Amino acid sequence: MQHERVLIAGGGIAGLALALTLDQIGVPCVVFESVAELRPLGVGINIQPNAVRELEDLGIGEADMDQVGLPAREWALVGLNGKDIYSEPRGKLAGYKWHQYAVHRGKFHLMLYRKVIERLGPDAVKLGHQVTGYRKEADGSVTATVTKRDGQTEEFSGALLFGAEGIHSGVRAQMHPGQPPIHWGGTIMWRGTARGVPIRSGSSFVGLGTSRHRIVFYPISHPDENGLADINWIAEQTYEDGHDWSSSGWFRPVELAEFAHEFDDFVYDWLDVPALLARSEAAYENPMIDRDPLPTWVDGPVALLGDAAHPMYPTGSNGASQAIIDARAIGRFMLEHGATPAALKAYDDELCQPIGQVALRNRGSGPFGLLTMVEDRCGGVFDNIDAVIPAEERKAFMGAYQKAAGFAREVLNQAPRTIPEGAKVVRVAA
């Protein structure tokens, strides 16, 4: 029976979404997570309609999502002069059958964890266990070496192993020992949340500034009785070559005084960015990093998903969404091929190359590429955006990104369920 279970390295969004999917289709699994305790870390992320649809099919509905965030109503880009470049409705307001959700990443993560424990049992996630290597066996199974918090190691066998441990994935490193180093494009991000009154639609994602100097903000909670919500903000500055991004760390706590002055001029009659930043209880610094796309995510009975497979710049708001889509695609292929390497190959064939291209689009500013176009054509200063980039060109640019990222409206609305209701895997292992 041990050979029939699936091993999952990493208890983040990708790993937990996969665990819920495998449970749904009748495949036993266990998740190994290196941290000893899961805490609600991180700030805001967006879950696109294609992923919200998959969550709904997993029994995670709007009532659950409203506990960790709220539906996004608008996506907008605004020039450094405070004038609109582009805006569009999102989610159901845009004609999708599902919302787009802006959520607190940590709260969403813990919700998925609770669902896994409720459905799979308390032993489904082994905290303080890090997968530090794997070995492919002659019978087609795989053995994972797991290091515990006390330094002791233990081996676990399974039909398949999935690496879902993020950009620093050890499974990825073993699968591709010659991979290039982490790529940094010159941008440092500072992130935090502050209490404030939501602007525009009341649930708008706004990107303000230029491609090299901007702030993004959106609410991630419903307003309280005083009309105040948690406003997630991301301040970004691109530096020339020579800046030491490696000293930034990952979610390194920083004082506002270290960077807030970079945004002193972001004051408009409808928004005061310095005042928003000043209301933040904490701020964190991150380099905007990714990795070059891989030629394959699969090594026999071992596969990658989520950021371990395709770490990407957070410019398209679809990193977490793609992790959920990965998990659901894996489930779909297991229904056809069983929990076997053949399912992994089909998953790799369908997604590896296209999603690698999405990652490269995000490296090239993703949907924020419109800001680059404005800079290139008018230096960022304009009175009438239509005279700089016609409305149809702006719409076509955004449509191309949505299609590449997998949430083009009509395609998504008309697509059948990824996993048919009640479907179960007949063959767990070869």
Protein backbone atom coordinates (compact mmCIF):
# COMPACT_ATOMS: atom_id res chain seq x y z
CA MET A 1 0.00 0.00 0.00
CA GLN A 2 2.91 2.39 0.63
CA HIS A 3 3.85 2.22 -3.07
CA GLU A 4 0.32 3.30 -4.02
CA ARG A 5 0.38 6.64 -2.23
CA VAL A 6 1.63 9.86 -3.79
CA LEU A 7 4.30 11.93 -2.05
CA ILE A 8 4.11 15.73 -2.14
CA ALA A 9 7.11 17.86 -1.19
CA GLY A 10 5.86 21.27 -0.02
CA GLY A 11 2.73 22.31 1.83
CA GLY A 12 2.14 25.64 0.10
CA ILE A 13 -0.76 26.53 -2.16
CA ALA A 14 0.37 24.16 -4.94
CA GLY A 15 0.98 21.17 -2.67
CA LEU A 16 -2.25 21.57 -0.72
CA ALA A 17 -4.33 22.10 -3.88
CA LEU A 18 -2.83 18.88 -5.23
CA ALA A 19 -3.58 17.00 -2.00
CA LEU A 20 -7.23 18.10 -2.14
CA THR A 21 -7.43 17.11 -5.80
CA LEU A 22 -5.93 13.66 -5.19
CA ASP A 23 -8.32 13.07 -2.29
CA GLN A 24 -11.21 14.07 -4.54
CA ILE A 25 -10.28 11.44 -7.15
CA GLY A 26 -9.43 8.72 -4.66
CA VAL A 27 -5.62 8.76 -4.68
CA PRO A 28 -3.94 8.48 -1.25
CA CYS A 29 -1.21 11.01 -0.57
CA VAL A 30 0.95 12.60 2.09
CA VAL A 31 2.41 16.13 2.18
CA PHE A 32 5.85 16.92 3.62
CA GLU A 33 6.31 20.53 4.74
CA SER A 34 9.63 21.83 6.09
CA VAL A 35 8.27 24.41 8.56
CA ALA A 36 7.22 23.22 11.99
CA GLU A 37 4.16 25.47 12.13
CA LEU A 38 2.09 27.05 9.38
CA ARG A 39 1.39 30.72 10.00
CA PRO A 40 -0.60 33.26 7.95
CA LEU A 41 2.45 34.73 6.22
CA GLY A 42 2.45 37.01 3.22
CA VAL A 43 0.17 39.77 2.05
CA GLY A 44 -2.23 40.01 -0.88
CA ILE A 45 -2.58 37.85 -3.99
CA ASN A 46 -5.23 37.50 -6.68
CA ILE A 47 -6.95 34.23 -7.57
CA GLN A 48 -8.15 34.40 -11.17
CA PRO A 49 -11.56 33.06 -12.31
CA ASN A 50 -10.05 29.92 -13.83
CA ALA A 51 -8.63 28.95 -10.43
CA VAL A 52 -11.72 30.10 -8.49
CA ARG A 53 -13.70 27.74 -10.70
CA GLU A 54 -11.41 24.86 -9.73
CA LEU A 55 -11.70 25.72 -6.05
CA GLU A 56 -15.47 25.69 -6.37
CA ASP A 57 -15.28 22.22 -7.93
CA LEU A 58 -13.22 21.22 -4.88
CA GLY A 59 -16.03 22.35 -2.61
CA ILE A 60 -14.40 25.65 -1.68
CA GLY A 61 -17.07 28.19 -2.49
CA GLU A 62 -17.73 31.89 -2.19
CA ALA A 63 -18.56 31.66 1.51
CA ASP A 64 -15.08 30.23 2.15
CA MET A 65 -13.36 32.76 -0.10
CA ASP A 66 -15.19 35.68 1.50
CA GLN A 67 -13.55 34.71 4.79
CA VAL A 68 -10.07 35.30 3.36
CA GLY A 69 -10.68 38.08 0.82
CA LEU A 70 -13.26 39.63 -1.48
CA PRO A 71 -14.25 39.62 -5.15
CA ALA A 72 -12.22 41.98 -7.34
CA ARG A 73 -14.37 44.30 -9.45
CA GLU A 74 -11.87 46.24 -11.53
CA TRP A 75 -8.31 46.07 -12.91
CA ALA A 76 -6.81 49.45 -13.82
CA LEU A 77 -3.54 51.01 -14.92
CA VAL A 78 -2.93 54.68 -14.17
CA GLY A 79 -0.08 56.82 -15.46
CA LEU A 80 2.33 58.70 -13.26
CA ASN A 81 0.30 61.83 -14.05
CA GLY A 82 -2.72 60.22 -12.33
CA LYS A 83 -4.68 59.69 -15.57
CA ASP A 84 -6.18 56.37 -16.57
CA ILE A 85 -4.38 54.26 -19.18
CA TYR A 86 -6.65 51.23 -19.10
CA SER A 87 -9.39 49.72 -16.97
CA GLU A 88 -11.69 46.76 -17.23
CA PRO A 89 -14.18 44.96 -14.98
CA ARG A 90 -13.10 41.66 -13.49
CA GLY A 91 -14.77 38.41 -12.48
CA LYS A 92 -18.53 38.16 -12.76
CA LEU A 93 -18.77 41.86 -13.65
CA ALA A 94 -16.73 41.05 -16.77
CA GLY A 95 -19.06 38.23 -17.77
CA TYR A 96 -17.18 35.33 -16.17
CA LYS A 97 -19.21 32.70 -14.37
CA TRP A 98 -16.81 33.01 -11.43
CA HIS A 99 -15.35 35.83 -9.41
CA GLN A 100 -11.74 36.90 -9.33
CA TYR A 101 -10.74 37.04 -5.66
CA ALA A 102 -8.26 39.33 -3.95
CA VAL A 103 -7.19 37.47 -0.82
CA HIS A 104 -4.74 37.56 2.03
CA ARG A 105 -2.25 34.91 0.96
CA GLY A 106 -1.60 33.58 4.46
CA LYS A 107 -5.26 33.29 5.36
CA PHE A 108 -6.00 31.56 2.05
CA HIS A 109 -3.10 29.17 2.62
CA LEU A 110 -4.29 28.25 6.11
CA MET A 111 -7.82 27.71 4.80
CA LEU A 112 -6.48 25.16 2.30
CA TYR A 113 -4.50 23.51 5.10
CA ARG A 114 -7.60 23.19 7.28
CA LYS A 115 -9.52 21.66 4.36
CA VAL A 116 -6.75 19.08 3.84
CA ILE A 117 -6.72 18.11 7.53
CA GLU A 118 -10.53 17.92 7.66
CA ARG A 119 -10.76 15.72 4.58
CA LEU A 120 -7.58 13.65 4.64
CA GLY A 121 -6.95 13.43 8.38
CA PRO A 122 -4.41 14.89 10.83
CA ASP A 123 -1.51 12.83 9.44
CA ALA A 124 -1.96 14.03 5.86
CA VAL A 125 0.53 16.88 6.32
CA LYS A 126 3.82 16.13 8.09
CA LEU A 127 5.15 19.44 9.39
CA GLY A 128 8.85 19.78 10.09
CA HIS A 129 9.65 17.28 7.31
CA GLN A 130 11.70 18.44 4.31
CA VAL A 131 12.22 16.34 1.20
CA THR A 132 15.96 16.54 0.55
CA GLY A 133 16.33 14.02 -2.27
CA TYR A 134 14.71 11.24 -4.25
CA ARG A 135 15.61 7.92 -5.79
CA LYS A 136 13.83 6.25 -8.70
CA GLU A 137 13.34 2.54 -8.07
CA ALA A 138 13.56 -0.36 -10.53
CA ASP A 139 9.87 -1.21 -10.07
CA GLY A 140 8.86 2.29 -11.25
CA SER A 141 8.17 3.71 -7.80
CA VAL A 142 10.10 6.50 -6.08
CA THR A 143 11.72 6.89 -2.69
CA ALA A 144 11.98 10.30 -1.04
CA THR A 145 14.62 11.13 1.55
CA VAL A 146 13.09 13.33 4.24
CA THR A 147 15.06 15.32 6.81
CA LYS A 148 13.28 16.16 10.07
CA ARG A 149 13.73 19.20 12.27
CA ASP A 150 16.02 17.25 14.61
CA GLY A 151 18.34 16.39 11.72
CA GLN A 152 17.33 12.75 11.46
CA THR A 153 16.46 11.36 8.03
CA GLU A 154 13.82 8.89 6.96
CA GLU A 155 12.84 7.36 3.63
CA PHE A 156 9.29 7.24 2.28
CA SER A 157 8.24 5.30 -0.81
CA GLY A 158 5.40 6.12 -3.16
CA ALA A 159 4.02 5.70 -6.65
CA LEU A 160 4.90 9.31 -7.55
CA LEU A 161 6.66 12.30 -6.05
CA PHE A 162 5.70 15.93 -6.67
CA GLY A 163 8.03 18.84 -5.96
CA ALA A 164 5.94 21.82 -4.84
CA GLU A 165 8.44 23.61 -2.61
CA GLY A 166 8.67 26.91 -4.47
CA ILE A 167 11.47 28.71 -6.28
CA HIS A 168 14.19 27.08 -4.14
CA SER A 169 12.81 23.58 -4.74
CA GLY A 170 15.23 20.81 -3.86
CA VAL A 171 13.36 18.38 -6.10
CA ARG A 172 13.85 20.75 -9.04
CA ALA A 173 17.54 21.14 -8.19
CA GLN A 174 18.05 17.37 -8.30
CA MET A 175 16.00 17.02 -11.47
CA HIS A 176 17.92 19.83 -13.20
CA PRO A 177 21.32 20.08 -11.48
CA GLY A 178 22.69 22.35 -14.20
CA GLN A 179 19.87 24.91 -14.09
CA PRO A 180 20.93 28.57 -14.36
CA PRO A 181 20.91 30.65 -11.18
CA ILE A 182 17.87 32.62 -10.06
CA HIS A 183 17.16 35.51 -12.45
CA TRP A 184 16.71 39.08 -11.20
CA GLY A 185 15.58 41.77 -13.60
CA GLY A 186 16.51 44.77 -11.48
CA THR A 187 13.31 45.35 -9.50
CA ILE A 188 12.93 45.45 -5.73
CA MET A 189 9.44 45.19 -4.23
CA TRP A 190 8.29 46.43 -0.84
CA ARG A 191 5.01 44.99 0.37
CA GLY A 192 2.59 45.60 3.20
CA THR A 193 -0.99 46.30 4.18
CA ALA A 194 -2.67 49.36 5.65
CA ARG A 195 -6.19 50.19 6.76
CA GLY A 196 -7.92 52.55 4.37
CA VAL A 197 -11.05 53.38 2.40
CA PRO A 198 -11.19 51.42 -0.87
CA ILE A 199 -11.27 53.68 -3.94
CA ARG A 200 -12.89 53.56 -7.39
CA SER A 201 -15.17 50.49 -7.51
CA GLY A 202 -14.53 49.65 -3.86
CA SER A 203 -12.59 46.57 -4.95
CA SER A 204 -10.18 47.79 -7.61
CA PHE A 205 -6.71 46.53 -8.46
CA VAL A 206 -4.77 49.65 -9.44
CA GLY A 207 -1.28 49.80 -10.93
CA LEU A 208 0.01 53.37 -10.76
CA GLY A 209 3.20 54.84 -12.21
CA THR A 210 5.67 53.56 -14.80
CA SER A 211 7.09 50.16 -15.65
CA ARG A 212 10.22 50.97 -13.61
CA HIS A 213 8.65 52.91 -10.74
CA ARG A 214 5.14 52.05 -9.61
CA ILE A 215 2.81 51.08 -6.81
CA VAL A 216 0.06 48.48 -6.96
CA PHE A 217 -2.74 48.40 -4.41
CA TYR A 218 -6.08 46.71 -3.82
CA PRO A 219 -8.29 45.76 -0.85
CA ILE A 220 -8.09 42.21 0.51
CA SER A 221 -10.90 42.37 3.05
CA HIS A 222 -14.49 43.50 3.08
CA PRO A 223 -14.99 46.98 4.60
CA ASP A 224 -15.84 47.20 8.30
CA GLU A 225 -18.63 49.28 9.83
CA ASN A 226 -16.46 52.39 9.36
CA GLY A 227 -15.85 51.68 5.68
CA LEU A 228 -12.22 50.67 6.25
CA ALA A 229 -10.58 47.64 4.67
CA ASP A 230 -7.14 46.07 4.59
CA ILE A 231 -5.42 47.60 1.57
CA ASN A 232 -2.62 45.49 0.12
CA TRP A 233 0.15 47.56 -1.46
CA ILE A 234 3.26 46.68 -3.47
CA ALA A 235 5.78 49.44 -4.14
CA GLU A 236 8.33 48.70 -6.87
CA GLN A 237 11.56 50.34 -8.00
CA THR A 238 13.81 49.10 -10.81
CA TYR A 239 17.55 49.69 -10.39
CA GLU A 240 20.41 49.70 -12.83
CA ASP A 241 23.00 46.91 -12.90
CA GLY A 242 25.19 46.75 -9.83
CA HIS A 243 22.47 46.80 -7.16
CA ASP A 244 22.95 43.89 -4.72
CA TRP A 245 19.53 42.23 -4.83
CA SER A 246 20.77 39.17 -2.91
CA SER A 247 21.03 41.23 0.28
CA SER A 248 17.28 41.86 0.15
CA GLY A 249 16.35 38.37 1.27
CA TRP A 250 12.79 37.13 0.98
CA PHE A 251 10.12 39.00 2.93
CA ARG A 252 12.85 40.80 4.86
CA PRO A 253 11.23 43.16 7.39
CA VAL A 254 12.23 46.75 6.64
CA GLU A 255 11.52 50.19 8.04
CA LEU A 256 9.38 52.49 5.89
CA ALA A 257 12.15 55.07 6.04
CA GLU A 258 14.33 52.79 3.89
CA PHE A 259 12.16 53.21 0.80
CA ALA A 260 9.03 55.34 1.33
CA HIS A 261 10.76 58.50 0.10
CA GLU A 262 10.91 56.92 -3.37
CA PHE A 263 7.15 57.51 -3.58
CA ASP A 264 6.80 60.96 -2.04
CA ASP A 265 5.55 62.39 -5.34
CA PHE A 266 2.69 59.88 -5.67
CA VAL A 267 0.09 62.35 -4.38
CA TYR A 268 -3.16 63.02 -6.26
CA ASP A 269 -6.54 64.47 -5.44
CA TRP A 270 -7.90 60.90 -5.31
CA LEU A 271 -4.94 59.16 -3.62
CA ASP A 272 -2.14 59.96 -1.19
CA VAL A 273 0.41 57.12 -1.42
CA PRO A 274 2.79 58.44 1.29
CA ALA A 275 -0.14 58.60 3.72
CA LEU A 276 -1.17 55.04 2.80
CA LEU A 277 2.34 53.72 3.39
CA ALA A 278 2.61 55.60 6.69
CA ARG A 279 -0.43 53.74 8.05
CA SER A 280 1.25 50.35 7.58
CA GLU A 281 2.21 48.40 10.69
CA ALA A 282 4.96 46.50 8.86
CA ALA A 283 6.72 46.37 5.50
CA TYR A 284 8.67 43.63 3.77
CA GLU A 285 11.27 43.72 1.02
CA ASN A 286 11.56 41.21 -1.80
CA PRO A 287 13.61 41.07 -4.98
CA MET A 288 11.42 40.38 -8.02
CA ILE A 289 12.97 37.09 -9.14
CA ASP A 290 12.17 34.06 -11.28
CA ARG A 291 13.96 31.24 -13.07
CA ASP A 292 14.44 30.45 -16.74
CA PRO A 293 11.81 28.04 -18.11
CA LEU A 294 12.67 24.35 -18.00
CA PRO A 295 12.59 21.93 -20.93
CA THR A 296 10.62 19.46 -18.79
CA TRP A 297 8.97 19.31 -15.38
CA VAL A 298 9.14 15.52 -15.20
CA ASP A 299 11.72 12.86 -14.38
CA GLY A 300 9.94 9.50 -14.64
CA PRO A 301 7.75 9.19 -11.50
CA VAL A 302 8.73 12.70 -10.30
CA ALA A 303 7.12 15.99 -11.36
CA LEU A 304 7.19 19.68 -10.47
CA LEU A 305 4.25 22.07 -10.05
CA GLY A 306 3.62 25.60 -8.88
CA ASP A 307 6.61 27.86 -8.30
CA ALA A 308 8.91 24.84 -8.28
CA ALA A 309 8.01 24.34 -11.95
CA HIS A 310 7.47 27.89 -13.18
CA PRO A 311 8.44 30.66 -10.73
CA MET A 312 7.31 33.90 -12.32
CA TYR A 313 7.26 37.61 -11.66
CA PRO A 314 4.04 38.63 -9.87
CA THR A 315 3.14 41.06 -12.65
CA GLY A 316 0.22 39.06 -14.02
CA SER A 317 -1.45 38.13 -10.73
CA ASN A 318 -1.58 34.51 -11.78
CA GLY A 319 1.23 32.66 -9.96
CA ALA A 320 -1.03 31.15 -7.29
CA SER A 321 -3.79 30.60 -9.86
CA GLN A 322 -1.46 28.61 -12.10
CA ALA A 323 -0.39 26.47 -9.14
CA ILE A 324 -4.03 25.50 -8.62
CA ILE A 325 -4.48 24.86 -12.35
CA ASP A 326 -1.37 22.62 -12.29
CA ALA A 327 -2.87 20.51 -9.51
CA ARG A 328 -6.18 20.14 -11.29
CA ALA A 329 -4.53 19.23 -14.60
CA ILE A 330 -2.56 16.52 -12.83
CA GLY A 331 -5.80 15.14 -11.45
CA ARG A 332 -7.36 15.17 -14.92
CA PHE A 333 -4.49 13.21 -16.41
CA MET A 334 -4.55 10.72 -13.54
CA LEU A 335 -8.18 9.98 -14.34
CA GLU A 336 -7.01 8.97 -17.80
CA HIS A 337 -3.68 7.27 -17.02
CA GLY A 338 -3.84 6.40 -13.33
CA ALA A 339 -1.32 7.66 -10.78
CA THR A 340 1.50 6.73 -13.13
CA PRO A 341 4.41 8.35 -14.97
CA ALA A 342 2.19 8.37 -18.07
CA ALA A 343 -0.06 10.92 -16.33
CA LEU A 344 2.97 13.06 -15.52
CA LYS A 345 4.16 12.96 -19.13
CA ALA A 346 0.75 14.07 -20.39
CA TYR A 347 0.75 16.94 -17.85
CA ASP A 348 4.25 17.95 -18.93
CA ASP A 349 3.40 17.79 -22.63
CA GLU A 350 0.39 20.06 -22.20
CA LEU A 351 1.63 22.72 -19.80
CA CYS A 352 5.43 22.91 -19.56
CA GLN A 353 6.17 24.90 -22.70
CA PRO A 354 3.09 27.21 -22.72
CA ILE A 355 3.43 28.15 -19.05
CA GLY A 356 7.13 28.74 -19.55
CA GLN A 357 6.13 31.32 -22.13
CA VAL A 358 3.71 32.94 -19.64
CA ALA A 359 6.61 33.26 -17.19
CA LEU A 360 8.64 35.01 -19.88
CA ARG A 361 5.69 37.33 -20.60
CA ASN A 362 5.63 38.25 -16.92
CA ARG A 363 9.39 38.88 -17.02
CA GLY A 364 8.62 41.31 -19.82
CA SER A 365 6.18 43.16 -17.50
CA GLY A 366 3.14 40.97 -18.28
CA PRO A 367 0.00 43.11 -18.42
CA PHE A 368 2.04 46.02 -17.03
CA GLY A 369 3.66 46.11 -20.46
CA LEU A 370 1.09 48.78 -21.28
CA LEU A 371 3.03 51.11 -18.98
CA THR A 372 6.17 50.43 -20.99
CA MET A 373 4.31 51.21 -24.21
CA VAL A 374 3.16 54.54 -22.78
CA GLU A 375 6.71 55.42 -21.75
CA ASP A 376 8.09 54.46 -25.15
CA ARG A 377 5.53 56.48 -27.08
CA CYS A 378 5.17 59.64 -25.03
CA GLY A 379 7.61 59.50 -22.15
CA GLY A 380 4.75 58.76 -19.74
CA VAL A 381 3.11 62.18 -20.11
CA PHE A 382 -0.22 62.42 -21.93
CA ASP A 383 -3.51 64.28 -22.00
CA ASN A 384 -5.50 61.78 -24.04
CA ILE A 385 -4.42 58.13 -23.79
CA ASP A 386 -6.33 57.28 -26.99
CA ALA A 387 -3.91 59.48 -28.91
CA VAL A 388 -1.00 57.44 -27.50
CA ILE A 389 -2.41 53.89 -27.59
CA PRO A 390 -5.83 53.46 -29.25
CA ALA A 391 -8.46 51.72 -27.13
CA GLU A 392 -8.60 48.67 -29.41
CA GLU A 393 -4.85 48.19 -29.17
CA ARG A 394 -4.98 48.35 -25.37
CA LYS A 395 -7.85 45.86 -25.29
CA ALA A 396 -6.06 43.49 -27.67
CA PHE A 397 -2.90 43.62 -25.55
CA MET A 398 -4.80 42.60 -22.42
CA GLY A 399 -6.79 39.96 -24.27
CA ALA A 400 -3.60 38.31 -25.52
CA TYR A 401 -2.26 38.07 -21.98
CA GLN A 402 -5.48 36.62 -20.60
CA LYS A 403 -5.53 33.99 -23.35
CA ALA A 404 -1.93 32.99 -22.70
CA ALA A 405 -2.53 32.80 -18.95
CA GLY A 406 -5.59 30.58 -19.40
CA PHE A 407 -8.43 32.82 -18.29
CA ALA A 408 -9.85 34.14 -21.56
CA ARG A 409 -13.52 34.63 -20.69
CA GLU A 410 -15.45 32.76 -23.38
CA VAL A 411 -13.02 29.83 -23.48
CA LEU A 412 -13.24 29.44 -19.71
CA ASN A 413 -17.01 29.87 -19.49
CA GLN A 414 -17.64 27.20 -22.12
CA ALA A 415 -15.06 24.67 -20.96
CA PRO A 416 -16.26 21.47 -19.25
CA ARG A 417 -15.21 20.70 -15.70
CA THR A 418 -11.55 19.77 -15.43
CA ILE A 419 -12.50 16.84 -13.18
CA PRO A 420 -16.00 15.42 -13.71
CA GLU A 421 -18.10 15.29 -10.57
CA GLY A 422 -17.64 12.01 -8.75
CA ALA A 423 -14.80 10.80 -10.99
CA LYS A 424 -12.30 8.43 -9.36
CA VAL A 425 -8.97 6.98 -10.42
CA VAL A 426 -9.30 3.27 -11.11
CA ARG A 427 -5.60 2.47 -11.20
CA VAL A 428 -3.43 4.11 -8.56
CA ALA A 429 -0.08 2.71 -9.63
CA ALA A 430 1.35 0.74 -12.52
